[in-house]
Amino acid sequence: MTRVVAARAAAIVVLAVALGVILLEVGTRAPTGFKPTVTVPTVSVPTTTTVPTGGARSTTTTTALNRASVKVLVANGSSVNGAATSYTTLLAHQGWGTLTAVTADAKVASSVVYYASGQQAAAAALSAELGLPSSAVQALSPAVPVAGTAGAAVVVLIGADIAAKVPSTTTTRPSTTTTTKAA
């Protein structure tokens, strides 16, 4: 009788171990159809229209800023290697339409956000997200020390002021988290 009890006990232990391994394997897999979601906040941009019929009347409407449609070029104007690439990645994760990062023609102490015609609101929103003062937002002109700005709605010139704060990029997957910092 003790052999029967020992055999049953061994069978239960083997079954429990096998069940534990199966549950561990199934429990660490991503759900079927799992797609990570990215929430892209929108920025409201007030616009004012004045209608001069019978007296001035002002109407204010709110337009959502579509970040993905704003092409942002980030240029490294600092001595920190990889700063423009890191900020480009950060802005892409925030939903901005980004272009390939470049190196500026000159080193600058303070960062500047330049905007093309009609893109001042986008530049102001982007500047605020980077923690830059409103005075850092300026119109894009030929004097900007960045080559190849054609096609960019906004140009972010990374200066020494924020280059030292190069953002790390964190990617989360169901079972692992990887953090990288640009060189």
C-alpha atoms as a PDB file:
ATOM      1  CA  MET A   1       0.000   0.000   0.000  1.00  0.00           C
ATOM      2  CA  THR A   2       2.877   2.410   0.676  1.00  0.00           C
ATOM      3  CA  ARG A   3       4.072   1.864  -2.889  1.00  0.00           C
ATOM      4  CA  VAL A   4       0.685   2.929  -4.238  1.00  0.00           C
ATOM      5  CA  VAL A   5       0.691   6.071  -2.053  1.00  0.00           C
ATOM      6  CA  ALA A   6       4.271   6.903  -3.087  1.00  0.00           C
ATOM      7  CA  ALA A   7       3.408   6.391  -6.775  1.00  0.00           C
ATOM      8  CA  ARG A   8       0.352   8.637  -6.463  1.00  0.00           C
ATOM      9  CA  ALA A   9       2.382  11.295  -4.662  1.00  0.00           C
ATOM     10  CA  ALA A  10       5.073  11.179  -7.361  1.00  0.00           C
ATOM     11  CA  ALA A  11       2.438  11.413 -10.106  1.00  0.00           C
ATOM     12  CA  ILE A  12       0.844  14.455  -8.419  1.00  0.00           C
ATOM     13  CA  VAL A  13       4.233  16.177  -8.088  1.00  0.00           C
ATOM     14  CA  VAL A  14       5.069  15.524 -11.754  1.00  0.00           C
ATOM     15  CA  LEU A  15       1.620  16.772 -12.807  1.00  0.00           C
ATOM     16  CA  ALA A  16       1.966  19.922 -10.654  1.00  0.00           C
ATOM     17  CA  VAL A  17       5.402  20.718 -12.106  1.00  0.00           C
ATOM     18  CA  ALA A  18       4.175  20.199 -15.685  1.00  0.00           C
ATOM     19  CA  LEU A  19       1.103  22.352 -15.046  1.00  0.00           C
ATOM     20  CA  GLY A  20       3.303  25.071 -13.475  1.00  0.00           C
ATOM     21  CA  VAL A  21       5.605  25.137 -16.511  1.00  0.00           C
ATOM     22  CA  ILE A  22       2.644  25.378 -18.896  1.00  0.00           C
ATOM     23  CA  LEU A  23       0.999  28.178 -16.915  1.00  0.00           C
ATOM     24  CA  LEU A  24       4.281  30.083 -16.673  1.00  0.00           C
ATOM     25  CA  GLU A  25       4.770  29.843 -20.454  1.00  0.00           C
ATOM     26  CA  VAL A  26       1.209  30.923 -21.240  1.00  0.00           C
ATOM     27  CA  GLY A  27       1.199  33.684 -18.615  1.00  0.00           C
ATOM     28  CA  THR A  28       4.309  35.446 -19.956  1.00  0.00           C
ATOM     29  CA  ARG A  29       3.144  35.575 -23.592  1.00  0.00           C
ATOM     30  CA  ALA A  30       1.581  38.701 -25.053  1.00  0.00           C
ATOM     31  CA  PRO A  31      -2.153  38.382 -25.673  1.00  0.00           C
ATOM     32  CA  THR A  32      -3.186  37.432 -29.205  1.00  0.00           C
ATOM     33  CA  GLY A  33      -3.694  40.542 -31.287  1.00  0.00           C
ATOM     34  CA  PHE A  34      -1.744  42.659 -28.779  1.00  0.00           C
ATOM     35  CA  LYS A  35      -0.790  46.010 -30.238  1.00  0.00           C
ATOM     36  CA  PRO A  36       0.825  48.654 -28.061  1.00  0.00           C
ATOM     37  CA  THR A  37      -1.090  51.900 -28.182  1.00  0.00           C
ATOM     38  CA  VAL A  38       0.385  55.335 -28.383  1.00  0.00           C
ATOM     39  CA  THR A  39      -1.711  58.200 -27.114  1.00  0.00           C
ATOM     40  CA  VAL A  40      -1.016  61.370 -29.010  1.00  0.00           C
ATOM     41  CA  PRO A  41      -2.294  64.425 -27.191  1.00  0.00           C
ATOM     42  CA  THR A  42      -3.646  67.218 -29.329  1.00  0.00           C
ATOM     43  CA  VAL A  43      -3.039  70.877 -28.792  1.00  0.00           C
ATOM     44  CA  SER A  44      -5.851  73.339 -29.319  1.00  0.00           C
ATOM     45  CA  VAL A  45      -4.924  76.426 -31.269  1.00  0.00           C
ATOM     46  CA  PRO A  46      -7.340  79.349 -30.958  1.00  0.00           C
ATOM     47  CA  THR A  47      -8.047  81.322 -34.103  1.00  0.00           C
ATOM     48  CA  THR A  48      -9.927  84.609 -34.295  1.00  0.00           C
ATOM     49  CA  THR A  49     -11.947  85.910 -37.222  1.00  0.00           C
ATOM     50  CA  THR A  50     -13.153  89.513 -37.391  1.00  0.00           C
ATOM     51  CA  VAL A  51     -16.209  90.211 -39.499  1.00  0.00           C
ATOM     52  CA  PRO A  52     -16.633  93.966 -40.260  1.00  0.00           C
ATOM     53  CA  THR A  53     -20.381  93.987 -41.103  1.00  0.00           C
ATOM     54  CA  GLY A  54     -22.276  96.573 -39.095  1.00  0.00           C
ATOM     55  CA  GLY A  55     -19.588  96.658 -36.441  1.00  0.00           C
ATOM     56  CA  ALA A  56     -16.731  94.433 -35.443  1.00  0.00           C
ATOM     57  CA  ARG A  57     -17.700  91.001 -34.280  1.00  0.00           C
ATOM     58  CA  SER A  58     -15.171  88.466 -33.085  1.00  0.00           C
ATOM     59  CA  THR A  59     -15.564  84.706 -33.272  1.00  0.00           C
ATOM     60  CA  THR A  60     -13.135  82.299 -31.660  1.00  0.00           C
ATOM     61  CA  THR A  61     -12.846  78.735 -32.870  1.00  0.00           C
ATOM     62  CA  THR A  62     -10.529  75.981 -31.691  1.00  0.00           C
ATOM     63  CA  THR A  63      -8.535  73.842 -34.107  1.00  0.00           C
ATOM     64  CA  ALA A  64      -6.732  70.666 -33.027  1.00  0.00           C
ATOM     65  CA  LEU A  65      -3.073  70.472 -34.001  1.00  0.00           C
ATOM     66  CA  ASN A  66      -2.285  67.289 -35.919  1.00  0.00           C
ATOM     67  CA  ARG A  67       1.258  66.567 -34.719  1.00  0.00           C
ATOM     68  CA  ALA A  68       1.888  63.802 -37.225  1.00  0.00           C
ATOM     69  CA  SER A  69       1.417  66.237 -40.106  1.00  0.00           C
ATOM     70  CA  VAL A  70       3.995  68.701 -38.714  1.00  0.00           C
ATOM     71  CA  LYS A  71       7.405  67.781 -40.170  1.00  0.00           C
ATOM     72  CA  VAL A  72      10.045  68.513 -37.511  1.00  0.00           C
ATOM     73  CA  LEU A  73      13.763  68.665 -38.284  1.00  0.00           C
ATOM     74  CA  VAL A  74      16.044  68.458 -35.241  1.00  0.00           C
ATOM     75  CA  ALA A  75      19.597  69.798 -35.625  1.00  0.00           C
ATOM     76  CA  ASN A  76      22.408  69.331 -33.118  1.00  0.00           C
ATOM     77  CA  GLY A  77      24.029  72.683 -32.386  1.00  0.00           C
ATOM     78  CA  SER A  78      25.788  71.372 -29.274  1.00  0.00           C
ATOM     79  CA  SER A  79      28.885  69.369 -28.447  1.00  0.00           C
ATOM     80  CA  VAL A  80      26.838  66.414 -27.154  1.00  0.00           C
ATOM     81  CA  ASN A  81      27.001  63.555 -29.658  1.00  0.00           C
ATOM     82  CA  GLY A  82      23.610  62.073 -30.528  1.00  0.00           C
ATOM     83  CA  ALA A  83      21.566  64.904 -28.990  1.00  0.00           C
ATOM     84  CA  ALA A  84      19.565  65.574 -32.172  1.00  0.00           C
ATOM     85  CA  THR A  85      18.872  61.870 -32.695  1.00  0.00           C
ATOM     86  CA  SER A  86      17.670  61.489 -29.097  1.00  0.00           C
ATOM     87  CA  TYR A  87      15.341  64.470 -29.357  1.00  0.00           C
ATOM     88  CA  THR A  88      14.084  63.267 -32.750  1.00  0.00           C
ATOM     89  CA  THR A  89      13.176  59.925 -31.176  1.00  0.00           C
ATOM     90  CA  LEU A  90      11.482  61.663 -28.238  1.00  0.00           C
ATOM     91  CA  LEU A  91       9.403  63.867 -30.545  1.00  0.00           C
ATOM     92  CA  ALA A  92       8.452  60.889 -32.715  1.00  0.00           C
ATOM     93  CA  HIS A  93       7.225  59.057 -29.585  1.00  0.00           C
ATOM     94  CA  GLN A  94       5.136  62.147 -28.771  1.00  0.00           C
ATOM     95  CA  GLY A  95       3.455  61.891 -32.164  1.00  0.00           C
ATOM     96  CA  TRP A  96       5.294  64.597 -34.114  1.00  0.00           C
ATOM     97  CA  GLY A  97       6.188  63.920 -37.751  1.00  0.00           C
ATOM     98  CA  THR A  98       9.984  63.853 -37.675  1.00  0.00           C
ATOM     99  CA  LEU A  99      12.663  64.074 -40.319  1.00  0.00           C
ATOM    100  CA  THR A 100      16.167  62.592 -40.070  1.00  0.00           C
ATOM    101  CA  ALA A 101      18.289  64.418 -37.467  1.00  0.00           C
ATOM    102  CA  VAL A 102      21.169  66.584 -38.743  1.00  0.00           C
ATOM    103  CA  THR A 103      24.169  68.467 -37.395  1.00  0.00           C
ATOM    104  CA  ALA A 104      23.925  72.256 -37.358  1.00  0.00           C
ATOM    105  CA  ASP A 105      26.482  74.451 -39.101  1.00  0.00           C
ATOM    106  CA  ALA A 106      27.332  76.185 -35.808  1.00  0.00           C
ATOM    107  CA  LYS A 107      27.374  75.493 -32.064  1.00  0.00           C
ATOM    108  CA  VAL A 108      24.815  77.456 -30.051  1.00  0.00           C
ATOM    109  CA  ALA A 109      24.370  78.020 -26.325  1.00  0.00           C
ATOM    110  CA  SER A 110      20.568  78.322 -26.337  1.00  0.00           C
ATOM    111  CA  SER A 111      18.086  76.131 -28.177  1.00  0.00           C
ATOM    112  CA  VAL A 112      15.745  77.730 -30.711  1.00  0.00           C
ATOM    113  CA  VAL A 113      12.566  76.470 -32.384  1.00  0.00           C
ATOM    114  CA  TYR A 114      12.177  77.935 -35.876  1.00  0.00           C
ATOM    115  CA  TYR A 115       8.890  77.775 -37.764  1.00  0.00           C
ATOM    116  CA  ALA A 116       7.989  77.983 -41.439  1.00  0.00           C
ATOM    117  CA  SER A 117       5.076  80.113 -42.609  1.00  0.00           C
ATOM    118  CA  GLY A 118       1.834  79.126 -40.881  1.00  0.00           C
ATOM    119  CA  GLN A 119       3.529  76.882 -38.318  1.00  0.00           C
ATOM    120  CA  GLN A 120       3.938  79.290 -35.388  1.00  0.00           C
ATOM    121  CA  ALA A 121       1.361  77.483 -33.206  1.00  0.00           C
ATOM    122  CA  ALA A 122       3.060  74.123 -33.765  1.00  0.00           C
ATOM    123  CA  ALA A 123       6.454  75.641 -32.938  1.00  0.00           C
ATOM    124  CA  ALA A 124       5.078  77.215 -29.752  1.00  0.00           C
ATOM    125  CA  ALA A 125       3.551  73.894 -28.641  1.00  0.00           C
ATOM    126  CA  LEU A 126       6.769  72.024 -29.377  1.00  0.00           C
ATOM    127  CA  SER A 127       8.878  74.655 -27.582  1.00  0.00           C
ATOM    128  CA  ALA A 128       6.681  74.383 -24.495  1.00  0.00           C
ATOM    129  CA  GLU A 129       7.038  70.586 -24.483  1.00  0.00           C
ATOM    130  CA  LEU A 130      10.816  70.935 -24.553  1.00  0.00           C
ATOM    131  CA  GLY A 131      10.669  73.377 -21.638  1.00  0.00           C
ATOM    132  CA  LEU A 132      11.971  76.287 -23.678  1.00  0.00           C
ATOM    133  CA  PRO A 133      10.825  79.890 -23.128  1.00  0.00           C
ATOM    134  CA  SER A 134       8.433  81.472 -25.631  1.00  0.00           C
ATOM    135  CA  SER A 135      11.299  83.719 -26.747  1.00  0.00           C
ATOM    136  CA  ALA A 136      12.965  80.593 -28.211  1.00  0.00           C
ATOM    137  CA  VAL A 137      10.311  80.468 -30.965  1.00  0.00           C
ATOM    138  CA  GLN A 138      11.405  82.361 -34.087  1.00  0.00           C
ATOM    139  CA  ALA A 139      10.519  82.547 -37.762  1.00  0.00           C
ATOM    140  CA  LEU A 140      12.566  80.354 -40.091  1.00  0.00           C
ATOM    141  CA  SER A 141      14.937  82.401 -42.246  1.00  0.00           C
ATOM    142  CA  PRO A 142      18.020  81.807 -44.417  1.00  0.00           C
ATOM    143  CA  ALA A 143      20.157  82.915 -41.439  1.00  0.00           C
ATOM    144  CA  VAL A 144      19.323  79.697 -39.517  1.00  0.00           C
ATOM    145  CA  PRO A 145      22.578  77.722 -39.082  1.00  0.00           C
ATOM    146  CA  VAL A 146      21.063  74.506 -40.437  1.00  0.00           C
ATOM    147  CA  ALA A 147      21.472  73.274 -43.999  1.00  0.00           C
ATOM    148  CA  GLY A 148      18.646  71.432 -45.739  1.00  0.00           C
ATOM    149  CA  THR A 149      15.590  72.836 -43.979  1.00  0.00           C
ATOM    150  CA  ALA A 150      13.420  72.426 -47.079  1.00  0.00           C
ATOM    151  CA  GLY A 151      10.364  70.336 -46.285  1.00  0.00           C
ATOM    152  CA  ALA A 152      10.524  71.091 -42.557  1.00  0.00           C
ATOM    153  CA  ALA A 153       7.599  72.910 -40.949  1.00  0.00           C
ATOM    154  CA  VAL A 154       9.542  73.339 -37.703  1.00  0.00           C
ATOM    155  CA  VAL A 155      13.302  73.238 -37.083  1.00  0.00           C
ATOM    156  CA  VAL A 156      14.528  72.557 -33.549  1.00  0.00           C
ATOM    157  CA  LEU A 157      18.104  73.709 -33.045  1.00  0.00           C
ATOM    158  CA  ILE A 158      19.456  71.908 -29.967  1.00  0.00           C
ATOM    159  CA  GLY A 159      21.800  74.121 -27.995  1.00  0.00           C
ATOM    160  CA  ALA A 160      24.022  73.417 -25.015  1.00  0.00           C
ATOM    161  CA  ASP A 161      21.152  74.373 -22.662  1.00  0.00           C
ATOM    162  CA  ILE A 162      19.090  71.230 -23.310  1.00  0.00           C
ATOM    163  CA  ALA A 163      21.710  68.975 -24.923  1.00  0.00           C
ATOM    164  CA  ALA A 164      22.984  68.077 -21.462  1.00  0.00           C
ATOM    165  CA  LYS A 165      19.475  66.796 -20.684  1.00  0.00           C
ATOM    166  CA  VAL A 166      19.439  64.277 -23.529  1.00  0.00           C
ATOM    167  CA  PRO A 167      16.258  62.253 -23.010  1.00  0.00           C
ATOM    168  CA  SER A 168      16.446  58.520 -22.580  1.00  0.00           C
ATOM    169  CA  THR A 169      14.123  56.436 -24.692  1.00  0.00           C
ATOM    170  CA  THR A 170      12.228  53.678 -22.919  1.00  0.00           C
ATOM    171  CA  THR A 171      10.568  50.889 -24.846  1.00  0.00           C
ATOM    172  CA  THR A 172       8.252  48.591 -22.926  1.00  0.00           C
ATOM    173  CA  ARG A 173       7.283  45.135 -24.064  1.00  0.00           C
ATOM    174  CA  PRO A 174       5.081  42.700 -22.142  1.00  0.00           C
ATOM    175  CA  SER A 175       8.028  40.851 -20.568  1.00  0.00           C
ATOM    176  CA  THR A 176      10.992  43.246 -20.780  1.00  0.00           C
ATOM    177  CA  THR A 177      11.883  46.899 -20.471  1.00  0.00           C
ATOM    178  CA  THR A 178      14.863  48.312 -22.342  1.00  0.00           C
ATOM    179  CA  THR A 179      16.278  51.770 -21.654  1.00  0.00           C
ATOM    180  CA  THR A 180      18.875  53.363 -23.910  1.00  0.00           C
ATOM    181  CA  LYS A 181      20.669  56.677 -23.759  1.00  0.00           C
ATOM    182  CA  ALA A 182      22.234  58.228 -26.817  1.00  0.00           C
ATOM    183  CA  ALA A 183      25.979  58.731 -26.809  1.00  0.00           C
END
